[in-house]
Amino acid sequence: MNPFSESYDSKDEMLLVHEAQEGSQKALEKLVKLHQRFIYNVALKFVRDPDAAADLSQEVLIKMITKLAQFKAKSSFRTWLYKIVVTHFVNSKRRKAEQQVKSFDEYGIFLDNAYTTEEMTGEEEEQHQNKIVNIRTRCMTSMLLCLDRQQRIIFILGSIFNIKSNVAAKLLEITAENFRQQLSRAKADLFQFMDNKCGLINPNNPCRCSKKTKGFMKEGLIDEQGIQFKTELVTQINQIAPEKNNELDNLIEGKYLSFFKQQVYEDKDTTENLVSNMLFDKDIKQLFKLN
């Protein structure tokens, strides 16, 4: 569920908020479950690494739980929560993947040296499809890491999850026009890099997901246990993101954005035991008047 989709109903959510503020552990758990999946998927695009994304998700959910008594319904709960999410993501310590991928120039040099000239056969591509999808996803997310954090969160919200500019702008506490300008610059930087390097976009570019995968396999750089994506079992981002209405934008940007939106929308639960463990804390129990 995308909490920013037009089909999202906030009435049940507000009831859960009220019940959680009154001391219901069950309501608090439901409220966490309602948002954790979307938060995790934004985090995964933001920092690339699943473990780091899970840590980020738990950190903001803990903030939600501990600050819930301060929510006075002056805005929607969704706006209140995702301001916390965006602020925490942008201001948190830099994660390992962010330290490895520092700029488009550096990442371009890595790509130039990371693929092999040897093509996969059709049989090999079919056999190693999950690995190819995994490498493609990591490559696309690594491109996002080349954007600065503000650009990155704006691109993730505005282009990957199609959150409207007037809504997303509130989360960053900027104007809608400023949001659109920053989103346009982030797209321009990202798309220019893809034009210059990505074989999916420009057939004249030598870098290919299958070739790169074959090279990584030869060098033993693919963790068989770390393959996260099983294409036959997952939901794609474009199945949960609201459709974009501007046909011209879709025509111009569609080939670039499609590779981000065809990526996995992860069903990982990052909250296992989070609420129950926190509710053993006497200060938390006292805050929410929990028995």
C-alpha atoms as a PDB file:
ATOM      1  CA  MET A   1       0.000   0.000   0.000  1.00  0.00           C
ATOM      2  CA  ASN A   2       1.228   3.470  -0.913  1.00  0.00           C
ATOM      3  CA  PRO A   3       0.012   5.903   1.782  1.00  0.00           C
ATOM      4  CA  PHE A   4       0.164   8.704  -0.794  1.00  0.00           C
ATOM      5  CA  SER A   5      -2.167   7.080  -3.315  1.00  0.00           C
ATOM      6  CA  GLU A   6      -5.595   8.575  -3.913  1.00  0.00           C
ATOM      7  CA  SER A   7      -7.233   5.354  -2.759  1.00  0.00           C
ATOM      8  CA  TYR A   8      -5.602   5.628   0.672  1.00  0.00           C
ATOM      9  CA  ASP A   9      -8.240   6.003   3.403  1.00  0.00           C
ATOM     10  CA  SER A  10      -7.011   7.908   6.452  1.00  0.00           C
ATOM     11  CA  LYS A  11     -10.166   7.362   8.558  1.00  0.00           C
ATOM     12  CA  ASP A  12      -9.123   3.957   9.873  1.00  0.00           C
ATOM     13  CA  GLU A  13      -5.617   5.300  10.377  1.00  0.00           C
ATOM     14  CA  MET A  14      -6.830   8.186  12.539  1.00  0.00           C
ATOM     15  CA  LEU A  15      -8.878   5.748  14.610  1.00  0.00           C
ATOM     16  CA  LEU A  16      -5.736   3.679  15.191  1.00  0.00           C
ATOM     17  CA  VAL A  17      -3.812   6.827  16.164  1.00  0.00           C
ATOM     18  CA  HIS A  18      -6.480   7.767  18.700  1.00  0.00           C
ATOM     19  CA  GLU A  19      -6.595   4.248  20.157  1.00  0.00           C
ATOM     20  CA  ALA A  20      -2.782   4.049  20.337  1.00  0.00           C
ATOM     21  CA  GLN A  21      -2.634   7.399  22.121  1.00  0.00           C
ATOM     22  CA  GLU A  22      -5.201   6.034  24.570  1.00  0.00           C
ATOM     23  CA  GLY A  23      -2.926   3.095  25.332  1.00  0.00           C
ATOM     24  CA  SER A  24      -3.819   0.301  22.905  1.00  0.00           C
ATOM     25  CA  GLN A  25      -0.812  -1.871  22.105  1.00  0.00           C
ATOM     26  CA  LYS A  26      -2.792  -3.636  19.377  1.00  0.00           C
ATOM     27  CA  ALA A  27      -3.617  -0.322  17.667  1.00  0.00           C
ATOM     28  CA  LEU A  28       0.011   0.775  17.915  1.00  0.00           C
ATOM     29  CA  GLU A  29       1.181  -2.450  16.280  1.00  0.00           C
ATOM     30  CA  LYS A  30      -1.351  -2.022  13.459  1.00  0.00           C
ATOM     31  CA  LEU A  31      -0.240   1.571  12.924  1.00  0.00           C
ATOM     32  CA  VAL A  32       3.384   0.481  12.615  1.00  0.00           C
ATOM     33  CA  LYS A  33       2.458  -2.335  10.211  1.00  0.00           C
ATOM     34  CA  LEU A  34       0.396   0.075   8.108  1.00  0.00           C
ATOM     35  CA  HIS A  35       3.436   2.209   7.255  1.00  0.00           C
ATOM     36  CA  GLN A  36       6.538   0.063   7.706  1.00  0.00           C
ATOM     37  CA  ARG A  37       6.511  -1.553   4.259  1.00  0.00           C
ATOM     38  CA  PHE A  38       6.386   1.730   2.354  1.00  0.00           C
ATOM     39  CA  ILE A  39       8.999   3.309   4.638  1.00  0.00           C
ATOM     40  CA  TYR A  40      11.322   0.330   4.094  1.00  0.00           C
ATOM     41  CA  ASN A  41      10.988   0.523   0.313  1.00  0.00           C
ATOM     42  CA  VAL A  42      11.790   4.244   0.318  1.00  0.00           C
ATOM     43  CA  ALA A  43      14.764   3.528   2.594  1.00  0.00           C
ATOM     44  CA  LEU A  44      15.970   0.732   0.304  1.00  0.00           C
ATOM     45  CA  LYS A  45      16.091   3.142  -2.630  1.00  0.00           C
ATOM     46  CA  PHE A  46      17.731   5.754  -0.421  1.00  0.00           C
ATOM     47  CA  VAL A  47      20.642   3.662   0.913  1.00  0.00           C
ATOM     48  CA  ARG A  48      20.600   0.568  -1.403  1.00  0.00           C
ATOM     49  CA  ASP A  49      21.623  -1.961   1.261  1.00  0.00           C
ATOM     50  CA  PRO A  50      18.743  -4.048   2.749  1.00  0.00           C
ATOM     51  CA  ASP A  51      20.251  -4.150   6.241  1.00  0.00           C
ATOM     52  CA  ALA A  52      20.882  -0.397   6.309  1.00  0.00           C
ATOM     53  CA  ALA A  53      17.359   0.188   5.000  1.00  0.00           C
ATOM     54  CA  ALA A  54      15.924  -2.009   7.753  1.00  0.00           C
ATOM     55  CA  ASP A  55      17.909  -0.040  10.350  1.00  0.00           C
ATOM     56  CA  LEU A  56      16.673   3.278   8.958  1.00  0.00           C
ATOM     57  CA  SER A  57      13.100   2.010   8.945  1.00  0.00           C
ATOM     58  CA  GLN A  58      13.266   0.877  12.549  1.00  0.00           C
ATOM     59  CA  GLU A  59      14.836   4.167  13.633  1.00  0.00           C
ATOM     60  CA  VAL A  60      11.996   6.249  12.209  1.00  0.00           C
ATOM     61  CA  LEU A  61       9.327   3.857  13.482  1.00  0.00           C
ATOM     62  CA  ILE A  62      10.811   4.145  16.964  1.00  0.00           C
ATOM     63  CA  LYS A  63      10.603   7.923  16.576  1.00  0.00           C
ATOM     64  CA  MET A  64       6.972   7.558  15.520  1.00  0.00           C
ATOM     65  CA  ILE A  65       6.169   5.485  18.592  1.00  0.00           C
ATOM     66  CA  THR A  66       7.972   7.741  21.044  1.00  0.00           C
ATOM     67  CA  LYS A  67       6.599  10.968  19.533  1.00  0.00           C
ATOM     68  CA  LEU A  68       3.044   9.765  18.951  1.00  0.00           C
ATOM     69  CA  ALA A  69       1.725  11.498  22.072  1.00  0.00           C
ATOM     70  CA  GLN A  70       2.855  14.794  20.510  1.00  0.00           C
ATOM     71  CA  PHE A  71       0.639  14.371  17.436  1.00  0.00           C
ATOM     72  CA  LYS A  72      -2.225  16.872  17.794  1.00  0.00           C
ATOM     73  CA  ALA A  73      -3.946  16.310  14.406  1.00  0.00           C
ATOM     74  CA  LYS A  74      -3.054  19.784  13.151  1.00  0.00           C
ATOM     75  CA  SER A  75      -2.075  18.064   9.893  1.00  0.00           C
ATOM     76  CA  SER A  76      -2.824  14.604   8.565  1.00  0.00           C
ATOM     77  CA  PHE A  77      -1.024  11.809  10.377  1.00  0.00           C
ATOM     78  CA  ARG A  78       0.529  10.844   7.061  1.00  0.00           C
ATOM     79  CA  THR A  79       2.118  14.292   6.684  1.00  0.00           C
ATOM     80  CA  TRP A  80       3.263  14.317  10.310  1.00  0.00           C
ATOM     81  CA  LEU A  81       4.865  10.856  10.069  1.00  0.00           C
ATOM     82  CA  TYR A  82       6.581  11.296   6.711  1.00  0.00           C
ATOM     83  CA  LYS A  83       8.084  14.617   7.749  1.00  0.00           C
ATOM     84  CA  ILE A  84       9.801  12.586  10.459  1.00  0.00           C
ATOM     85  CA  VAL A  85      10.827   9.965   7.875  1.00  0.00           C
ATOM     86  CA  VAL A  86      12.254  12.448   5.355  1.00  0.00           C
ATOM     87  CA  THR A  87      14.057  14.536   7.978  1.00  0.00           C
ATOM     88  CA  HIS A  88      15.608  11.447   9.563  1.00  0.00           C
ATOM     89  CA  PHE A  89      16.690   9.957   6.249  1.00  0.00           C
ATOM     90  CA  VAL A  90      18.319  13.178   5.036  1.00  0.00           C
ATOM     91  CA  ASN A  91      20.080  13.906   8.340  1.00  0.00           C
ATOM     92  CA  SER A  92      21.090  10.387   9.442  1.00  0.00           C
ATOM     93  CA  LYS A  93      24.677   9.169   9.360  1.00  0.00           C
ATOM     94  CA  ARG A  94      25.996   8.179   5.951  1.00  0.00           C
ATOM     95  CA  ARG A  95      25.719   4.466   5.307  1.00  0.00           C
ATOM     96  CA  LYS A  96      28.387   2.188   3.853  1.00  0.00           C
ATOM     97  CA  ALA A  97      26.954   2.173   0.300  1.00  0.00           C
ATOM     98  CA  GLU A  98      26.844   5.974   0.274  1.00  0.00           C
ATOM     99  CA  GLN A  99      30.517   6.097   1.150  1.00  0.00           C
ATOM    100  CA  GLN A 100      31.330   3.690  -1.691  1.00  0.00           C
ATOM    101  CA  VAL A 101      29.384   5.563  -4.404  1.00  0.00           C
ATOM    102  CA  LYS A 102      30.366   9.226  -4.187  1.00  0.00           C
ATOM    103  CA  SER A 103      29.693  10.803  -7.589  1.00  0.00           C
ATOM    104  CA  PHE A 104      28.543  10.117 -11.138  1.00  0.00           C
ATOM    105  CA  ASP A 105      32.136  10.471 -12.364  1.00  0.00           C
ATOM    106  CA  GLU A 106      33.459   7.859  -9.937  1.00  0.00           C
ATOM    107  CA  TYR A 107      30.581   5.496 -10.607  1.00  0.00           C
ATOM    108  CA  GLY A 108      31.084   5.884 -14.355  1.00  0.00           C
ATOM    109  CA  ILE A 109      34.719   4.824 -13.983  1.00  0.00           C
ATOM    110  CA  PHE A 110      33.607   1.782 -11.966  1.00  0.00           C
ATOM    111  CA  LEU A 111      31.111   0.766 -14.681  1.00  0.00           C
ATOM    112  CA  ASP A 112      33.722   1.172 -17.407  1.00  0.00           C
ATOM    113  CA  ASN A 113      35.903  -1.370 -15.622  1.00  0.00           C
ATOM    114  CA  ALA A 114      33.214  -3.654 -14.204  1.00  0.00           C
ATOM    115  CA  TYR A 115      31.836  -5.393 -17.278  1.00  0.00           C
ATOM    116  CA  THR A 116      33.308  -8.091 -19.448  1.00  0.00           C
ATOM    117  CA  THR A 117      33.399  -8.069 -23.241  1.00  0.00           C
ATOM    118  CA  GLU A 118      31.978 -11.596 -23.214  1.00  0.00           C
ATOM    119  CA  GLU A 119      28.254 -11.775 -23.898  1.00  0.00           C
ATOM    120  CA  MET A 120      25.910 -14.242 -22.196  1.00  0.00           C
ATOM    121  CA  THR A 121      24.195 -16.751 -24.428  1.00  0.00           C
ATOM    122  CA  GLY A 122      20.396 -16.811 -24.456  1.00  0.00           C
ATOM    123  CA  GLU A 123      20.501 -19.983 -22.370  1.00  0.00           C
ATOM    124  CA  GLU A 124      22.805 -18.330 -19.817  1.00  0.00           C
ATOM    125  CA  GLU A 125      20.562 -15.259 -19.587  1.00  0.00           C
ATOM    126  CA  GLU A 126      17.565 -17.469 -18.861  1.00  0.00           C
ATOM    127  CA  GLN A 127      19.492 -19.523 -16.323  1.00  0.00           C
ATOM    128  CA  HIS A 128      20.828 -16.478 -14.467  1.00  0.00           C
ATOM    129  CA  GLN A 129      17.814 -14.170 -14.814  1.00  0.00           C
ATOM    130  CA  ASN A 130      17.475 -13.560 -11.070  1.00  0.00           C
ATOM    131  CA  LYS A 131      21.140 -12.586 -10.835  1.00  0.00           C
ATOM    132  CA  ILE A 132      20.806 -10.205 -13.791  1.00  0.00           C
ATOM    133  CA  VAL A 133      17.740  -8.556 -12.244  1.00  0.00           C
ATOM    134  CA  ASN A 134      19.563  -8.241  -8.928  1.00  0.00           C
ATOM    135  CA  ILE A 135      22.622  -6.632 -10.551  1.00  0.00           C
ATOM    136  CA  ARG A 136      20.422  -4.286 -12.579  1.00  0.00           C
ATOM    137  CA  THR A 137      18.556  -3.209  -9.451  1.00  0.00           C
ATOM    138  CA  ARG A 138      21.773  -2.578  -7.529  1.00  0.00           C
ATOM    139  CA  CYS A 139      23.165  -0.628 -10.483  1.00  0.00           C
ATOM    140  CA  MET A 140      20.069   1.576 -10.753  1.00  0.00           C
ATOM    141  CA  THR A 141      20.052   2.220  -7.012  1.00  0.00           C
ATOM    142  CA  SER A 142      23.781   2.997  -7.107  1.00  0.00           C
ATOM    143  CA  MET A 143      22.981   5.698  -9.657  1.00  0.00           C
ATOM    144  CA  LEU A 144      20.617   7.226  -7.106  1.00  0.00           C
ATOM    145  CA  LEU A 145      23.451   7.312  -4.571  1.00  0.00           C
ATOM    146  CA  CYS A 146      25.314   9.674  -6.923  1.00  0.00           C
ATOM    147  CA  LEU A 147      22.657  12.299  -6.229  1.00  0.00           C
ATOM    148  CA  ASP A 148      23.035  14.310  -3.050  1.00  0.00           C
ATOM    149  CA  ARG A 149      20.646  13.303  -0.288  1.00  0.00           C
ATOM    150  CA  GLN A 150      18.133  16.092  -0.910  1.00  0.00           C
ATOM    151  CA  GLN A 151      18.000  15.338  -4.641  1.00  0.00           C
ATOM    152  CA  ARG A 152      17.787  11.627  -3.927  1.00  0.00           C
ATOM    153  CA  ILE A 153      14.789  11.767  -1.582  1.00  0.00           C
ATOM    154  CA  ILE A 154      13.052  14.192  -3.941  1.00  0.00           C
ATOM    155  CA  PHE A 155      13.611  11.870  -6.918  1.00  0.00           C
ATOM    156  CA  ILE A 156      12.440   8.816  -4.960  1.00  0.00           C
ATOM    157  CA  LEU A 157       9.264  10.530  -3.781  1.00  0.00           C
ATOM    158  CA  GLY A 158       8.464  12.476  -6.942  1.00  0.00           C
ATOM    159  CA  SER A 159       9.582  10.177  -9.755  1.00  0.00           C
ATOM    160  CA  ILE A 160       9.647   6.628  -8.453  1.00  0.00           C
ATOM    161  CA  PHE A 161       6.580   6.748  -6.193  1.00  0.00           C
ATOM    162  CA  ASN A 162       4.817   9.583  -8.068  1.00  0.00           C
ATOM    163  CA  ILE A 163       3.913  11.592  -4.974  1.00  0.00           C
ATOM    164  CA  LYS A 164       2.345  14.897  -6.000  1.00  0.00           C
ATOM    165  CA  SER A 165       4.605  17.919  -5.660  1.00  0.00           C
ATOM    166  CA  ASN A 166       2.254  19.820  -3.334  1.00  0.00           C
ATOM    167  CA  VAL A 167       2.150  16.811  -0.981  1.00  0.00           C
ATOM    168  CA  ALA A 168       5.854  15.932  -1.141  1.00  0.00           C
ATOM    169  CA  ALA A 169       6.856  19.588  -0.696  1.00  0.00           C
ATOM    170  CA  LYS A 170       5.182  19.623   2.725  1.00  0.00           C
ATOM    171  CA  LEU A 171       7.356  16.740   3.850  1.00  0.00           C
ATOM    172  CA  LEU A 172      10.523  18.683   3.005  1.00  0.00           C
ATOM    173  CA  GLU A 173       9.029  21.995   4.167  1.00  0.00           C
ATOM    174  CA  ILE A 174       9.679  23.697   0.836  1.00  0.00           C
ATOM    175  CA  THR A 175       7.332  25.155  -1.771  1.00  0.00           C
ATOM    176  CA  ALA A 176       5.790  22.952  -4.441  1.00  0.00           C
ATOM    177  CA  GLU A 177       7.575  25.027  -7.095  1.00  0.00           C
ATOM    178  CA  ASN A 178      10.925  24.517  -5.345  1.00  0.00           C
ATOM    179  CA  PHE A 179      10.224  20.788  -5.165  1.00  0.00           C
ATOM    180  CA  ARG A 180       9.503  20.643  -8.906  1.00  0.00           C
ATOM    181  CA  GLN A 181      12.668  22.607  -9.711  1.00  0.00           C
ATOM    182  CA  GLN A 182      14.856  20.330  -7.587  1.00  0.00           C
ATOM    183  CA  LEU A 183      13.161  17.248  -9.055  1.00  0.00           C
ATOM    184  CA  SER A 184      13.839  18.525 -12.571  1.00  0.00           C
ATOM    185  CA  ARG A 185      17.546  19.010 -11.766  1.00  0.00           C
ATOM    186  CA  ALA A 186      17.801  15.540 -10.205  1.00  0.00           C
ATOM    187  CA  LYS A 187      16.218  13.982 -13.297  1.00  0.00           C
ATOM    188  CA  ALA A 188      18.524  15.908 -15.621  1.00  0.00           C
ATOM    189  CA  ASP A 189      21.649  14.737 -13.741  1.00  0.00           C
ATOM    190  CA  LEU A 190      20.482  11.136 -13.571  1.00  0.00           C
ATOM    191  CA  PHE A 191      19.207  10.873 -17.140  1.00  0.00           C
ATOM    192  CA  GLN A 192      22.367  12.439 -18.570  1.00  0.00           C
ATOM    193  CA  PHE A 193      24.451   9.808 -16.802  1.00  0.00           C
ATOM    194  CA  MET A 194      22.185   7.041 -18.110  1.00  0.00           C
ATOM    195  CA  ASP A 195      22.470   8.430 -21.634  1.00  0.00           C
ATOM    196  CA  ASN A 196      26.258   8.295 -21.379  1.00  0.00           C
ATOM    197  CA  LYS A 197      26.675   4.919 -19.665  1.00  0.00           C
ATOM    198  CA  CYS A 198      23.597   2.701 -19.641  1.00  0.00           C
ATOM    199  CA  GLY A 199      23.164   0.171 -22.451  1.00  0.00           C
ATOM    200  CA  LEU A 200      19.481  -0.165 -21.575  1.00  0.00           C
ATOM    201  CA  ILE A 201      18.968   3.461 -22.610  1.00  0.00           C
ATOM    202  CA  ASN A 202      21.547   3.875 -25.365  1.00  0.00           C
ATOM    203  CA  PRO A 203      22.443   0.739 -27.370  1.00  0.00           C
ATOM    204  CA  ASN A 204      25.782   2.350 -28.268  1.00  0.00           C
ATOM    205  CA  ASN A 205      26.910   2.105 -24.641  1.00  0.00           C
ATOM    206  CA  PRO A 206      28.894  -1.087 -24.005  1.00  0.00           C
ATOM    207  CA  CYS A 207      27.649  -1.638 -20.441  1.00  0.00           C
ATOM    208  CA  ARG A 208      25.013  -4.423 -20.325  1.00  0.00           C
ATOM    209  CA  CYS A 209      23.419  -5.948 -17.247  1.00  0.00           C
ATOM    210  CA  SER A 210      24.039  -9.487 -18.491  1.00  0.00           C
ATOM    211  CA  LYS A 211      27.683  -8.798 -19.408  1.00  0.00           C
ATOM    212  CA  LYS A 212      28.313  -7.145 -16.077  1.00  0.00           C
ATOM    213  CA  THR A 213      26.629 -10.048 -14.269  1.00  0.00           C
ATOM    214  CA  LYS A 214      28.802 -12.550 -16.134  1.00  0.00           C
ATOM    215  CA  GLY A 215      31.928 -10.619 -15.173  1.00  0.00           C
ATOM    216  CA  PHE A 216      30.897 -10.462 -11.516  1.00  0.00           C
ATOM    217  CA  MET A 217      30.104 -14.169 -11.522  1.00  0.00           C
ATOM    218  CA  LYS A 218      33.562 -14.986 -12.913  1.00  0.00           C
ATOM    219  CA  GLU A 219      35.180 -12.885 -10.203  1.00  0.00           C
ATOM    220  CA  GLY A 220      33.041 -14.443  -7.457  1.00  0.00           C
ATOM    221  CA  LEU A 221      31.449 -11.120  -6.568  1.00  0.00           C
ATOM    222  CA  ILE A 222      27.816 -12.285  -6.502  1.00  0.00           C
ATOM    223  CA  ASP A 223      26.558 -13.543  -3.154  1.00  0.00           C
ATOM    224  CA  GLU A 224      24.208 -16.412  -3.991  1.00  0.00           C
ATOM    225  CA  GLN A 225      22.538 -16.101  -0.583  1.00  0.00           C
ATOM    226  CA  GLY A 226      22.175 -12.356  -0.977  1.00  0.00           C
ATOM    227  CA  ILE A 227      19.955 -12.419  -4.060  1.00  0.00           C
ATOM    228  CA  GLN A 228      16.875 -10.607  -2.812  1.00  0.00           C
ATOM    229  CA  PHE A 229      14.704 -10.513  -5.887  1.00  0.00           C
ATOM    230  CA  LYS A 230      12.585 -13.369  -7.231  1.00  0.00           C
ATOM    231  CA  THR A 231      10.760 -11.860 -10.169  1.00  0.00           C
ATOM    232  CA  GLU A 232       7.969 -14.428 -10.243  1.00  0.00           C
ATOM    233  CA  LEU A 233       6.986 -13.752  -6.637  1.00  0.00           C
ATOM    234  CA  VAL A 234       7.113 -10.009  -6.171  1.00  0.00           C
ATOM    235  CA  THR A 235       5.173  -6.808  -6.690  1.00  0.00           C
ATOM    236  CA  GLN A 236       6.750  -4.070  -8.771  1.00  0.00           C
ATOM    237  CA  ILE A 237       6.837  -0.450  -7.693  1.00  0.00           C
ATOM    238  CA  ASN A 238       4.727   0.623 -10.656  1.00  0.00           C
ATOM    239  CA  GLN A 239       1.892  -1.547  -9.320  1.00  0.00           C
ATOM    240  CA  ILE A 240       1.588   0.530  -6.141  1.00  0.00           C
ATOM    241  CA  ALA A 241       2.660   3.998  -7.347  1.00  0.00           C
ATOM    242  CA  PRO A 242      -0.124   6.314  -8.580  1.00  0.00           C
ATOM    243  CA  GLU A 243      -0.145   6.813 -12.332  1.00  0.00           C
ATOM    244  CA  LYS A 244       1.330  10.024 -13.658  1.00  0.00           C
ATOM    245  CA  ASN A 245      -1.172  12.136 -15.570  1.00  0.00           C
ATOM    246  CA  ASN A 246       1.163  14.201 -17.742  1.00  0.00           C
ATOM    247  CA  GLU A 247       1.394  12.249 -20.996  1.00  0.00           C
ATOM    248  CA  LEU A 248       4.253  14.359 -22.346  1.00  0.00           C
ATOM    249  CA  ASP A 249       6.356  13.659 -19.262  1.00  0.00           C
ATOM    250  CA  ASN A 250       5.582   9.958 -19.610  1.00  0.00           C
ATOM    251  CA  LEU A 251       6.635  10.016 -23.271  1.00  0.00           C
ATOM    252  CA  ILE A 252       9.936  11.803 -22.612  1.00  0.00           C
ATOM    253  CA  GLU A 253      10.864  10.219 -19.277  1.00  0.00           C
ATOM    254  CA  GLY A 254       9.170   6.847 -19.552  1.00  0.00           C
ATOM    255  CA  LYS A 255      12.176   4.918 -20.866  1.00  0.00           C
ATOM    256  CA  TYR A 256      14.334   6.199 -18.005  1.00  0.00           C
ATOM    257  CA  LEU A 257      11.867   5.840 -15.153  1.00  0.00           C
ATOM    258  CA  SER A 258      10.497   2.473 -16.232  1.00  0.00           C
ATOM    259  CA  PHE A 259      13.656   0.707 -15.048  1.00  0.00           C
ATOM    260  CA  PHE A 260      13.227   2.175 -11.558  1.00  0.00           C
ATOM    261  CA  LYS A 261       9.513   1.420 -11.393  1.00  0.00           C
ATOM    262  CA  GLN A 262       9.912  -2.149 -12.621  1.00  0.00           C
ATOM    263  CA  GLN A 263      12.017  -2.871  -9.564  1.00  0.00           C
ATOM    264  CA  VAL A 264      10.819  -4.959  -6.656  1.00  0.00           C
ATOM    265  CA  TYR A 265       8.464  -3.517  -4.082  1.00  0.00           C
ATOM    266  CA  GLU A 266       9.764  -5.475  -1.116  1.00  0.00           C
ATOM    267  CA  ASP A 267       7.434  -7.218   1.320  1.00  0.00           C
ATOM    268  CA  LYS A 268      10.070  -7.416   4.040  1.00  0.00           C
ATOM    269  CA  ASP A 269       8.819  -6.936   7.599  1.00  0.00           C
ATOM    270  CA  THR A 270      11.354  -4.820   9.459  1.00  0.00           C
ATOM    271  CA  THR A 271       9.194  -4.547  12.595  1.00  0.00           C
ATOM    272  CA  GLU A 272       9.274  -8.100  13.922  1.00  0.00           C
ATOM    273  CA  ASN A 273       9.143  -7.815  17.718  1.00  0.00           C
ATOM    274  CA  LEU A 274       9.809  -4.052  17.462  1.00  0.00           C
ATOM    275  CA  VAL A 275       6.612  -2.911  19.150  1.00  0.00           C
ATOM    276  CA  SER A 276       6.413  -5.712  21.689  1.00  0.00           C
ATOM    277  CA  ASN A 277      10.051  -5.220  22.686  1.00  0.00           C
ATOM    278  CA  MET A 278       9.663  -1.454  23.011  1.00  0.00           C
ATOM    279  CA  LEU A 279       6.546  -1.858  25.110  1.00  0.00           C
ATOM    280  CA  PHE A 280       8.544  -3.645  27.774  1.00  0.00           C
ATOM    281  CA  ASP A 281      10.342  -0.342  28.305  1.00  0.00           C
ATOM    282  CA  LYS A 282       8.828   1.219  31.449  1.00  0.00           C
ATOM    283  CA  ASP A 283       9.151   4.753  30.074  1.00  0.00           C
ATOM    284  CA  ILE A 284       7.307   3.831  26.886  1.00  0.00           C
ATOM    285  CA  LYS A 285       4.612   2.029  28.878  1.00  0.00           C
ATOM    286  CA  GLN A 286       4.181   5.050  31.088  1.00  0.00           C
ATOM    287  CA  LEU A 287       4.085   7.419  28.107  1.00  0.00           C
ATOM    288  CA  PHE A 288       1.254   5.488  26.451  1.00  0.00           C
ATOM    289  CA  LYS A 289      -0.428   4.439  29.727  1.00  0.00           C
ATOM    290  CA  LEU A 290      -0.068   0.789  28.760  1.00  0.00           C
ATOM    291  CA  ASN A 291      -0.882  -1.966  31.229  1.00  0.00           C
END
